[in-house]
């Protein structure tokens, strides 16, 4: 994988954007373990999906 001037290169070819996804990341609000009901904090982020000609695919935050 090579990042060059805002482009991502894999297998010697620039990867193409094939779409976007909305991803949710969750983490416990408390880490002390004493909570009966675990509250979570959620973060939503949009990612762009890039794919190479060989089928390699990755997501990057927008």
C-alpha atoms as a PDB file:
ATOM      1  CA  UNK A   1       0.000   0.000   0.000  1.00  0.00           C
ATOM      2  CA  UNK A   2       1.356   3.396  -0.993  1.00  0.00           C
ATOM      3  CA  UNK A   3      -0.291   6.764  -0.310  1.00  0.00           C
ATOM      4  CA  UNK A   4       0.816   9.399  -2.806  1.00  0.00           C
ATOM      5  CA  UNK A   5      -0.723  12.853  -3.249  1.00  0.00           C
ATOM      6  CA  UNK A   6      -4.114  11.841  -1.834  1.00  0.00           C
ATOM      7  CA  UNK A   7      -4.246   8.664  -3.942  1.00  0.00           C
ATOM      8  CA  UNK A   8      -3.815   5.127  -2.662  1.00  0.00           C
ATOM      9  CA  UNK A   9      -1.824   2.670  -4.767  1.00  0.00           C
ATOM     10  CA  UNK A  10      -2.065  -1.121  -4.449  1.00  0.00           C
ATOM     11  CA  UNK A  11      -0.605  -3.631  -6.933  1.00  0.00           C
ATOM     12  CA  UNK A  12       0.838  -0.677  -8.855  1.00  0.00           C
ATOM     13  CA  UNK A  13      -2.590   0.770  -9.708  1.00  0.00           C
ATOM     14  CA  UNK A  14      -4.594   3.583  -8.095  1.00  0.00           C
ATOM     15  CA  UNK A  15      -7.489   2.367  -5.971  1.00  0.00           C
ATOM     16  CA  UNK A  16     -10.977   3.556  -6.943  1.00  0.00           C
ATOM     17  CA  UNK A  17     -13.711   4.811  -4.649  1.00  0.00           C
ATOM     18  CA  UNK A  18     -16.645   2.421  -4.888  1.00  0.00           C
ATOM     19  CA  UNK A  19     -18.907   3.970  -2.260  1.00  0.00           C
ATOM     20  CA  UNK A  20     -19.345   5.174   1.289  1.00  0.00           C
ATOM     21  CA  UNK A  21     -20.420   3.470   4.512  1.00  0.00           C
ATOM     22  CA  UNK A  22     -21.716   4.679   7.864  1.00  0.00           C
ATOM     23  CA  UNK A  23     -19.905   2.874  10.692  1.00  0.00           C
ATOM     24  CA  UNK A  24     -20.724   2.755  14.400  1.00  0.00           C
ATOM     25  CA  UNK A  25     -18.023   2.405  17.047  1.00  0.00           C
ATOM     26  CA  UNK A  26     -19.098   1.585  20.622  1.00  0.00           C
ATOM     27  CA  UNK A  27     -17.243   1.648  23.930  1.00  0.00           C
ATOM     28  CA  UNK A  28     -18.364   1.239  27.547  1.00  0.00           C
ATOM     29  CA  UNK A  29     -19.073   4.536  29.303  1.00  0.00           C
ATOM     30  CA  UNK A  30     -17.543   3.204  32.525  1.00  0.00           C
ATOM     31  CA  UNK A  31     -14.541   0.951  32.969  1.00  0.00           C
ATOM     32  CA  UNK A  32     -14.740   0.213  36.698  1.00  0.00           C
ATOM     33  CA  UNK A  33     -16.911  -2.905  36.169  1.00  0.00           C
ATOM     34  CA  UNK A  34     -19.365  -2.069  38.993  1.00  0.00           C
ATOM     35  CA  UNK A  35     -22.175  -0.925  36.708  1.00  0.00           C
ATOM     36  CA  UNK A  36     -25.189  -3.280  36.639  1.00  0.00           C
ATOM     37  CA  UNK A  37     -26.363  -1.977  33.281  1.00  0.00           C
ATOM     38  CA  UNK A  38     -23.528  -1.179  30.960  1.00  0.00           C
ATOM     39  CA  UNK A  39     -23.967   2.151  29.239  1.00  0.00           C
ATOM     40  CA  UNK A  40     -22.169   2.607  25.970  1.00  0.00           C
ATOM     41  CA  UNK A  41     -20.952   5.623  24.085  1.00  0.00           C
ATOM     42  CA  UNK A  42     -21.487   5.437  20.330  1.00  0.00           C
ATOM     43  CA  UNK A  43     -19.632   7.302  17.617  1.00  0.00           C
ATOM     44  CA  UNK A  44     -20.860   7.319  14.028  1.00  0.00           C
ATOM     45  CA  UNK A  45     -18.496   8.080  11.183  1.00  0.00           C
ATOM     46  CA  UNK A  46     -18.651   8.008   7.409  1.00  0.00           C
ATOM     47  CA  UNK A  47     -15.961   6.068   5.587  1.00  0.00           C
ATOM     48  CA  UNK A  48     -15.073   5.903   1.922  1.00  0.00           C
ATOM     49  CA  UNK A  49     -14.598   2.456   0.462  1.00  0.00           C
ATOM     50  CA  UNK A  50     -11.638   2.006  -1.901  1.00  0.00           C
ATOM     51  CA  UNK A  51     -11.004  -1.077  -4.028  1.00  0.00           C
ATOM     52  CA  UNK A  52      -8.042  -2.245  -6.096  1.00  0.00           C
ATOM     53  CA  UNK A  53      -8.270  -4.162  -9.391  1.00  0.00           C
ATOM     54  CA  UNK A  54      -7.051  -7.284  -7.560  1.00  0.00           C
ATOM     55  CA  UNK A  55     -10.014  -7.144  -5.136  1.00  0.00           C
ATOM     56  CA  UNK A  56      -8.185  -5.667  -2.117  1.00  0.00           C
ATOM     57  CA  UNK A  57     -10.552  -3.276  -0.340  1.00  0.00           C
ATOM     58  CA  UNK A  58     -10.208  -0.834   2.548  1.00  0.00           C
ATOM     59  CA  UNK A  59     -12.202   1.883   4.285  1.00  0.00           C
ATOM     60  CA  UNK A  60     -10.883   5.298   5.273  1.00  0.00           C
ATOM     61  CA  UNK A  61     -12.583   7.992   7.367  1.00  0.00           C
ATOM     62  CA  UNK A  62     -14.056  10.773   5.221  1.00  0.00           C
END
